[in-house]
Amino acid sequence: MTTDVLPDDVLIEIFDFHLNGMSIFDDDMNDEYGMIRWHTLVHVCQRWRQLIFTSPCRLGLVLEYNGKKPMREMLDVWPVLPIAIRLRALESLLKPSHADNIVDALDLENHARIHEIKLDEFPRSHWDRFVGAMQKPFPQLRNLQIGCSGGATAVLPISDLFLGGSVSHLQKLRLENIQFPFPGVQKQLLTANNLVELSLWTTPLSGYISPEAMVICLSAMPRLEILLFRVDFPRFRP
């Protein structure tokens, strides 16, 4: 028996297990290799290509963008699919041009298709431009993970314009080595009713976050499963 005799629904089941089954064991590995796997499948034959592109939601298809080249070059090649922006730590440190392209991509009209933003050790030299690009709605954004490099903690000003003033669409939020005004982020977190994972590593600008304020924020997150909260208070030295 060859795969040619299998009906479409059986092939979709096989593709789904191949593309998403590994997420049961390792989410990070699935993120890293998921796009490579579906790229391989769509080049097998025309039938497989058509099947995969007619079931993008079922198969969780995304276009991974790492800033290697301008985003428009990638969008011209592939169908309209959600976009995952991922910049790994080594790329951030060794290839600052990738960070330039990523900030440019966030300013494009296609920002409404961005499903994930995952930036490890994002360079401080691009931080202000990045913050400026985030002052608008990202209606499809489900996963926001930002870590900043460069020694001193970066400041993320949370305003009514940041992500359009609401994070109700987010399912995962991680901020590492980033300062933010707690009154501002508290207002945002009160809209985070779909959040499943929250990880904050910060030095609070106000110097103090009350337990009562955190309880109020957490009460607005009925779906929350994972909470990691690290606060580094500044120490006064002679």
C-alpha atoms as a PDB file:
ATOM      1  CA  MET A   1       0.000   0.000   0.000  1.00  0.00           C
ATOM      2  CA  THR A   2       1.175   3.531  -0.804  1.00  0.00           C
ATOM      3  CA  THR A   3      -0.029   6.849   0.558  1.00  0.00           C
ATOM      4  CA  ASP A   4      -1.744   7.575  -2.767  1.00  0.00           C
ATOM      5  CA  VAL A   5      -4.652   5.295  -1.819  1.00  0.00           C
ATOM      6  CA  LEU A   6      -5.279   7.004   1.527  1.00  0.00           C
ATOM      7  CA  PRO A   7      -8.282   9.363   1.678  1.00  0.00           C
ATOM      8  CA  ASP A   8      -7.749  13.034   2.414  1.00  0.00           C
ATOM      9  CA  ASP A   9      -9.003  12.903   6.012  1.00  0.00           C
ATOM     10  CA  VAL A  10      -6.556  10.100   6.888  1.00  0.00           C
ATOM     11  CA  LEU A  11      -3.666  12.022   5.386  1.00  0.00           C
ATOM     12  CA  ILE A  12      -4.630  15.105   7.386  1.00  0.00           C
ATOM     13  CA  GLU A  13      -4.582  12.998  10.573  1.00  0.00           C
ATOM     14  CA  ILE A  14      -1.084  11.769   9.707  1.00  0.00           C
ATOM     15  CA  PHE A  15       0.119  15.279   8.895  1.00  0.00           C
ATOM     16  CA  ASP A  16      -1.344  16.580  12.165  1.00  0.00           C
ATOM     17  CA  PHE A  17       0.545  13.991  14.211  1.00  0.00           C
ATOM     18  CA  HIS A  18       3.763  14.650  12.324  1.00  0.00           C
ATOM     19  CA  LEU A  19       3.547  18.434  12.734  1.00  0.00           C
ATOM     20  CA  ASN A  20       2.018  18.750  16.192  1.00  0.00           C
ATOM     21  CA  GLY A  21       2.459  15.433  17.957  1.00  0.00           C
ATOM     22  CA  MET A  22       5.916  16.325  19.272  1.00  0.00           C
ATOM     23  CA  SER A  23       4.443  19.274  21.213  1.00  0.00           C
ATOM     24  CA  ILE A  24       3.217  16.721  23.749  1.00  0.00           C
ATOM     25  CA  PHE A  25       6.831  16.123  24.719  1.00  0.00           C
ATOM     26  CA  ASP A  26       8.641  19.369  24.013  1.00  0.00           C
ATOM     27  CA  ASP A  27       6.943  22.656  23.110  1.00  0.00           C
ATOM     28  CA  ASP A  28      10.211  24.446  22.348  1.00  0.00           C
ATOM     29  CA  MET A  29      11.349  21.744  19.936  1.00  0.00           C
ATOM     30  CA  ASN A  30       7.971  21.831  18.215  1.00  0.00           C
ATOM     31  CA  ASP A  31       8.248  25.614  17.792  1.00  0.00           C
ATOM     32  CA  GLU A  32      11.737  25.348  16.347  1.00  0.00           C
ATOM     33  CA  TYR A  33      11.143  22.548  13.860  1.00  0.00           C
ATOM     34  CA  GLY A  34       7.411  22.799  13.124  1.00  0.00           C
ATOM     35  CA  MET A  35       7.823  25.081  10.120  1.00  0.00           C
ATOM     36  CA  ILE A  36      10.688  22.960   8.753  1.00  0.00           C
ATOM     37  CA  ARG A  37       8.456  19.883   8.886  1.00  0.00           C
ATOM     38  CA  TRP A  38       5.525  21.388   6.978  1.00  0.00           C
ATOM     39  CA  HIS A  39       7.920  22.913   4.440  1.00  0.00           C
ATOM     40  CA  THR A  40       9.124  19.388   3.722  1.00  0.00           C
ATOM     41  CA  LEU A  41       5.591  18.028   3.355  1.00  0.00           C
ATOM     42  CA  VAL A  42       4.369  20.662   0.891  1.00  0.00           C
ATOM     43  CA  HIS A  43       7.243  19.844  -1.450  1.00  0.00           C
ATOM     44  CA  VAL A  44       6.428  16.127  -1.684  1.00  0.00           C
ATOM     45  CA  CYS A  45       3.674  16.426  -4.278  1.00  0.00           C
ATOM     46  CA  GLN A  46       0.889  18.729  -5.464  1.00  0.00           C
ATOM     47  CA  ARG A  47      -1.824  16.782  -3.632  1.00  0.00           C
ATOM     48  CA  TRP A  48      -0.062  17.065  -0.278  1.00  0.00           C
ATOM     49  CA  ARG A  49       0.573  20.754  -0.861  1.00  0.00           C
ATOM     50  CA  GLN A  50      -3.106  21.450  -1.582  1.00  0.00           C
ATOM     51  CA  LEU A  51      -4.270  19.403   1.408  1.00  0.00           C
ATOM     52  CA  ILE A  52      -1.941  21.176   3.814  1.00  0.00           C
ATOM     53  CA  PHE A  53      -2.771  24.672   2.607  1.00  0.00           C
ATOM     54  CA  THR A  54      -6.518  23.987   2.796  1.00  0.00           C
ATOM     55  CA  SER A  55      -6.211  22.970   6.487  1.00  0.00           C
ATOM     56  CA  PRO A  56      -3.973  25.674   8.020  1.00  0.00           C
ATOM     57  CA  CYS A  57      -5.892  25.966  11.308  1.00  0.00           C
ATOM     58  CA  ARG A  58      -6.167  22.227  11.864  1.00  0.00           C
ATOM     59  CA  LEU A  59      -2.425  21.784  11.265  1.00  0.00           C
ATOM     60  CA  GLY A  60      -1.393  24.942  13.120  1.00  0.00           C
ATOM     61  CA  LEU A  61       0.583  26.334  10.191  1.00  0.00           C
ATOM     62  CA  VAL A  62       2.625  29.482  10.805  1.00  0.00           C
ATOM     63  CA  LEU A  63       5.274  31.366   8.872  1.00  0.00           C
ATOM     64  CA  GLU A  64       8.385  31.677  11.026  1.00  0.00           C
ATOM     65  CA  TYR A  65      10.280  34.928  10.556  1.00  0.00           C
ATOM     66  CA  ASN A  66      13.740  35.463  12.075  1.00  0.00           C
ATOM     67  CA  GLY A  67      14.738  38.749  10.445  1.00  0.00           C
ATOM     68  CA  LYS A  68      17.307  37.189   8.114  1.00  0.00           C
ATOM     69  CA  LYS A  69      15.838  39.162   5.222  1.00  0.00           C
ATOM     70  CA  PRO A  70      12.981  41.674   4.788  1.00  0.00           C
ATOM     71  CA  MET A  71       9.604  40.165   5.657  1.00  0.00           C
ATOM     72  CA  ARG A  72       8.076  41.119   2.299  1.00  0.00           C
ATOM     73  CA  GLU A  73      10.365  38.605   0.586  1.00  0.00           C
ATOM     74  CA  MET A  74       8.892  35.807   2.700  1.00  0.00           C
ATOM     75  CA  LEU A  75       5.288  36.961   2.293  1.00  0.00           C
ATOM     76  CA  ASP A  76       5.627  36.993  -1.494  1.00  0.00           C
ATOM     77  CA  VAL A  77       6.411  33.253  -1.537  1.00  0.00           C
ATOM     78  CA  TRP A  78       3.852  31.704   0.847  1.00  0.00           C
ATOM     79  CA  PRO A  79       0.047  31.823   1.244  1.00  0.00           C
ATOM     80  CA  VAL A  80      -1.601  34.070   3.841  1.00  0.00           C
ATOM     81  CA  LEU A  81      -0.790  32.345   7.153  1.00  0.00           C
ATOM     82  CA  PRO A  82      -0.224  33.501  10.747  1.00  0.00           C
ATOM     83  CA  ILE A  83       3.280  34.856  11.389  1.00  0.00           C
ATOM     84  CA  ALA A  84       5.593  33.838  14.243  1.00  0.00           C
ATOM     85  CA  ILE A  85       8.490  36.252  14.848  1.00  0.00           C
ATOM     86  CA  ARG A  86      11.335  34.422  16.599  1.00  0.00           C
ATOM     87  CA  LEU A  87      14.802  35.774  17.280  1.00  0.00           C
ATOM     88  CA  ARG A  88      17.082  33.494  19.271  1.00  0.00           C
ATOM     89  CA  ALA A  89      19.791  34.734  21.608  1.00  0.00           C
ATOM     90  CA  LEU A  90      22.783  33.919  19.389  1.00  0.00           C
ATOM     91  CA  GLU A  91      21.186  35.612  16.378  1.00  0.00           C
ATOM     92  CA  SER A  92      20.387  38.692  18.487  1.00  0.00           C
ATOM     93  CA  LEU A  93      23.996  39.072  19.608  1.00  0.00           C
ATOM     94  CA  LEU A  94      25.822  38.211  16.398  1.00  0.00           C
ATOM     95  CA  LYS A  95      23.469  39.558  13.740  1.00  0.00           C
ATOM     96  CA  PRO A  96      22.025  42.967  14.700  1.00  0.00           C
ATOM     97  CA  SER A  97      20.650  43.360  11.153  1.00  0.00           C
ATOM     98  CA  HIS A  98      18.094  40.659  12.045  1.00  0.00           C
ATOM     99  CA  ALA A  99      16.770  42.888  14.832  1.00  0.00           C
ATOM    100  CA  ASP A 100      16.529  45.785  12.347  1.00  0.00           C
ATOM    101  CA  ASN A 101      14.398  43.708   9.994  1.00  0.00           C
ATOM    102  CA  ILE A 102      12.173  42.503  12.830  1.00  0.00           C
ATOM    103  CA  VAL A 103      11.394  46.030  13.994  1.00  0.00           C
ATOM    104  CA  ASP A 104      10.642  46.990  10.377  1.00  0.00           C
ATOM    105  CA  ALA A 105       8.313  43.968  10.110  1.00  0.00           C
ATOM    106  CA  LEU A 106       6.366  45.063  13.188  1.00  0.00           C
ATOM    107  CA  ASP A 107       5.628  48.350  11.429  1.00  0.00           C
ATOM    108  CA  LEU A 108       4.221  46.695   8.297  1.00  0.00           C
ATOM    109  CA  GLU A 109       0.506  46.466   7.599  1.00  0.00           C
ATOM    110  CA  ASN A 110       0.812  42.684   8.075  1.00  0.00           C
ATOM    111  CA  HIS A 111       1.281  43.126  11.841  1.00  0.00           C
ATOM    112  CA  ALA A 112      -2.370  42.015  12.197  1.00  0.00           C
ATOM    113  CA  ARG A 113      -1.269  38.504  11.148  1.00  0.00           C
ATOM    114  CA  ILE A 114       1.413  38.172  13.839  1.00  0.00           C
ATOM    115  CA  HIS A 115       0.563  35.190  16.048  1.00  0.00           C
ATOM    116  CA  GLU A 116       3.726  35.069  18.174  1.00  0.00           C
ATOM    117  CA  ILE A 117       6.614  37.345  19.132  1.00  0.00           C
ATOM    118  CA  LYS A 118       9.486  35.521  20.824  1.00  0.00           C
ATOM    119  CA  LEU A 119      12.673  37.568  21.202  1.00  0.00           C
ATOM    120  CA  ASP A 120      15.554  36.154  23.258  1.00  0.00           C
ATOM    121  CA  GLU A 121      18.213  38.642  24.397  1.00  0.00           C
ATOM    122  CA  PHE A 122      16.858  41.419  22.182  1.00  0.00           C
ATOM    123  CA  PRO A 123      19.606  44.065  21.716  1.00  0.00           C
ATOM    124  CA  ARG A 124      19.281  47.236  23.763  1.00  0.00           C
ATOM    125  CA  SER A 125      20.362  49.287  20.741  1.00  0.00           C
ATOM    126  CA  HIS A 126      17.005  48.472  19.078  1.00  0.00           C
ATOM    127  CA  TRP A 127      14.847  48.670  22.179  1.00  0.00           C
ATOM    128  CA  ASP A 128      13.300  52.126  21.704  1.00  0.00           C
ATOM    129  CA  ARG A 129      12.296  51.337  18.126  1.00  0.00           C
ATOM    130  CA  PHE A 130      10.789  48.043  19.215  1.00  0.00           C
ATOM    131  CA  VAL A 131       8.740  49.681  21.976  1.00  0.00           C
ATOM    132  CA  GLY A 132       7.472  52.272  19.500  1.00  0.00           C
ATOM    133  CA  ALA A 133       6.383  49.553  17.060  1.00  0.00           C
ATOM    134  CA  MET A 134       4.329  47.831  19.782  1.00  0.00           C
ATOM    135  CA  GLN A 135       2.057  50.841  20.364  1.00  0.00           C
ATOM    136  CA  LYS A 136      -0.848  49.443  18.350  1.00  0.00           C
ATOM    137  CA  PRO A 137      -3.231  46.465  18.394  1.00  0.00           C
ATOM    138  CA  PHE A 138      -1.976  42.996  17.462  1.00  0.00           C
ATOM    139  CA  PRO A 139      -5.341  41.190  17.278  1.00  0.00           C
ATOM    140  CA  GLN A 140      -3.907  37.730  16.447  1.00  0.00           C
ATOM    141  CA  LEU A 141      -1.047  37.788  18.969  1.00  0.00           C
ATOM    142  CA  ARG A 142      -1.245  34.810  21.335  1.00  0.00           C
ATOM    143  CA  ASN A 143       2.321  34.461  22.611  1.00  0.00           C
ATOM    144  CA  LEU A 144       4.556  37.380  23.677  1.00  0.00           C
ATOM    145  CA  GLN A 145       7.994  36.552  25.087  1.00  0.00           C
ATOM    146  CA  ILE A 146      10.627  39.277  25.383  1.00  0.00           C
ATOM    147  CA  GLY A 147      14.068  39.197  26.958  1.00  0.00           C
ATOM    148  CA  CYS A 148      16.499  42.100  26.716  1.00  0.00           C
ATOM    149  CA  SER A 149      20.306  42.009  26.617  1.00  0.00           C
ATOM    150  CA  GLY A 150      22.945  44.572  27.377  1.00  0.00           C
ATOM    151  CA  GLY A 151      23.485  44.561  31.136  1.00  0.00           C
ATOM    152  CA  ALA A 152      21.137  47.209  32.521  1.00  0.00           C
ATOM    153  CA  THR A 153      17.473  46.309  32.660  1.00  0.00           C
ATOM    154  CA  ALA A 154      15.401  47.719  29.803  1.00  0.00           C
ATOM    155  CA  VAL A 155      12.288  49.789  30.518  1.00  0.00           C
ATOM    156  CA  LEU A 156       8.988  48.862  28.883  1.00  0.00           C
ATOM    157  CA  PRO A 157       6.577  51.777  29.256  1.00  0.00           C
ATOM    158  CA  ILE A 158       3.079  50.301  29.492  1.00  0.00           C
ATOM    159  CA  SER A 159       0.486  52.761  28.206  1.00  0.00           C
ATOM    160  CA  ASP A 160      -3.019  52.690  26.793  1.00  0.00           C
ATOM    161  CA  LEU A 161      -1.427  52.373  23.349  1.00  0.00           C
ATOM    162  CA  PHE A 162       0.727  49.330  24.141  1.00  0.00           C
ATOM    163  CA  LEU A 163      -0.807  46.381  22.221  1.00  0.00           C
ATOM    164  CA  GLY A 164      -3.842  48.562  21.695  1.00  0.00           C
ATOM    165  CA  GLY A 165      -4.520  48.842  25.439  1.00  0.00           C
ATOM    166  CA  SER A 166      -5.559  45.220  25.988  1.00  0.00           C
ATOM    167  CA  VAL A 167      -3.923  41.796  26.330  1.00  0.00           C
ATOM    168  CA  SER A 168      -7.179  39.834  26.324  1.00  0.00           C
ATOM    169  CA  HIS A 169      -6.005  37.862  23.271  1.00  0.00           C
ATOM    170  CA  LEU A 170      -2.719  36.718  24.874  1.00  0.00           C
ATOM    171  CA  GLN A 171      -2.346  33.143  26.133  1.00  0.00           C
ATOM    172  CA  LYS A 172       1.333  33.343  27.132  1.00  0.00           C
ATOM    173  CA  LEU A 173       3.241  36.382  28.418  1.00  0.00           C
ATOM    174  CA  ARG A 174       6.913  36.351  29.439  1.00  0.00           C
ATOM    175  CA  LEU A 175       8.967  39.451  30.222  1.00  0.00           C
ATOM    176  CA  GLU A 176      12.574  38.846  31.339  1.00  0.00           C
ATOM    177  CA  ASN A 177      15.034  41.449  32.609  1.00  0.00           C
ATOM    178  CA  ILE A 178      12.571  44.221  31.804  1.00  0.00           C
ATOM    179  CA  GLN A 179      11.353  47.060  33.997  1.00  0.00           C
ATOM    180  CA  PHE A 180       7.803  48.321  33.734  1.00  0.00           C
ATOM    181  CA  PRO A 181       5.572  50.655  35.743  1.00  0.00           C
ATOM    182  CA  PHE A 182       3.333  48.418  37.823  1.00  0.00           C
ATOM    183  CA  PRO A 183       0.256  50.655  37.738  1.00  0.00           C
ATOM    184  CA  GLY A 184       0.474  50.482  33.944  1.00  0.00           C
ATOM    185  CA  VAL A 185       1.008  46.742  33.691  1.00  0.00           C
ATOM    186  CA  GLN A 186      -1.661  46.158  36.353  1.00  0.00           C
ATOM    187  CA  LYS A 187      -4.235  47.830  34.132  1.00  0.00           C
ATOM    188  CA  GLN A 188      -3.165  45.614  31.228  1.00  0.00           C
ATOM    189  CA  LEU A 189      -3.192  42.410  33.294  1.00  0.00           C
ATOM    190  CA  LEU A 190      -6.749  43.078  34.387  1.00  0.00           C
ATOM    191  CA  THR A 191      -7.724  42.439  30.733  1.00  0.00           C
ATOM    192  CA  ALA A 192      -5.745  39.153  30.541  1.00  0.00           C
ATOM    193  CA  ASN A 193      -8.702  36.823  30.956  1.00  0.00           C
ATOM    194  CA  ASN A 194      -7.318  34.268  28.453  1.00  0.00           C
ATOM    195  CA  LEU A 195      -3.802  34.081  29.874  1.00  0.00           C
ATOM    196  CA  VAL A 196      -2.556  30.530  30.543  1.00  0.00           C
ATOM    197  CA  GLU A 197       1.073  31.316  31.386  1.00  0.00           C
ATOM    198  CA  LEU A 198       2.462  34.452  33.042  1.00  0.00           C
ATOM    199  CA  SER A 199       6.183  34.900  33.702  1.00  0.00           C
ATOM    200  CA  LEU A 200       7.524  38.260  34.916  1.00  0.00           C
ATOM    201  CA  TRP A 201      11.152  38.932  35.865  1.00  0.00           C
ATOM    202  CA  THR A 202      11.528  42.577  36.714  1.00  0.00           C
ATOM    203  CA  THR A 203      12.923  45.329  38.885  1.00  0.00           C
ATOM    204  CA  PRO A 204       9.811  47.397  39.615  1.00  0.00           C
ATOM    205  CA  LEU A 205      10.153  51.091  38.845  1.00  0.00           C
ATOM    206  CA  SER A 206       8.056  51.983  41.870  1.00  0.00           C
ATOM    207  CA  GLY A 207      10.207  49.799  44.149  1.00  0.00           C
ATOM    208  CA  TYR A 208       7.205  47.966  45.590  1.00  0.00           C
ATOM    209  CA  ILE A 209       4.350  45.775  44.367  1.00  0.00           C
ATOM    210  CA  SER A 210       1.771  44.988  47.025  1.00  0.00           C
ATOM    211  CA  PRO A 211       0.436  41.444  47.432  1.00  0.00           C
ATOM    212  CA  GLU A 212      -3.089  42.877  47.322  1.00  0.00           C
ATOM    213  CA  ALA A 213      -2.435  44.371  43.874  1.00  0.00           C
ATOM    214  CA  MET A 214      -1.128  41.030  42.601  1.00  0.00           C
ATOM    215  CA  VAL A 215      -4.210  39.233  43.954  1.00  0.00           C
ATOM    216  CA  ILE A 216      -6.451  41.651  42.059  1.00  0.00           C
ATOM    217  CA  CYS A 217      -4.513  40.958  38.843  1.00  0.00           C
ATOM    218  CA  LEU A 218      -4.576  37.183  39.276  1.00  0.00           C
ATOM    219  CA  SER A 219      -8.302  37.178  39.972  1.00  0.00           C
ATOM    220  CA  ALA A 220      -8.819  38.394  36.392  1.00  0.00           C
ATOM    221  CA  MET A 221      -7.043  35.285  34.971  1.00  0.00           C
ATOM    222  CA  PRO A 222      -9.386  32.285  35.395  1.00  0.00           C
ATOM    223  CA  ARG A 223      -7.457  30.171  32.866  1.00  0.00           C
ATOM    224  CA  LEU A 224      -4.001  30.706  34.398  1.00  0.00           C
ATOM    225  CA  GLU A 225      -2.024  27.474  34.851  1.00  0.00           C
ATOM    226  CA  ILE A 226       1.596  28.659  35.185  1.00  0.00           C
ATOM    227  CA  LEU A 227       2.790  31.641  37.221  1.00  0.00           C
ATOM    228  CA  LEU A 228       6.456  32.632  37.557  1.00  0.00           C
ATOM    229  CA  PHE A 229       7.099  35.934  39.288  1.00  0.00           C
ATOM    230  CA  ARG A 230      10.611  37.161  40.111  1.00  0.00           C
ATOM    231  CA  VAL A 231      11.272  40.624  41.505  1.00  0.00           C
ATOM    232  CA  ASP A 232      14.821  41.957  41.909  1.00  0.00           C
ATOM    233  CA  PHE A 233      14.776  44.920  44.264  1.00  0.00           C
ATOM    234  CA  PRO A 234      17.714  47.338  43.931  1.00  0.00           C
ATOM    235  CA  ARG A 235      20.230  47.213  46.773  1.00  0.00           C
ATOM    236  CA  PHE A 236      21.783  50.378  48.097  1.00  0.00           C
ATOM    237  CA  ARG A 237      25.553  50.148  48.458  1.00  0.00           C
ATOM    238  CA  PRO A 238      28.164  52.551  49.846  1.00  0.00           C
END
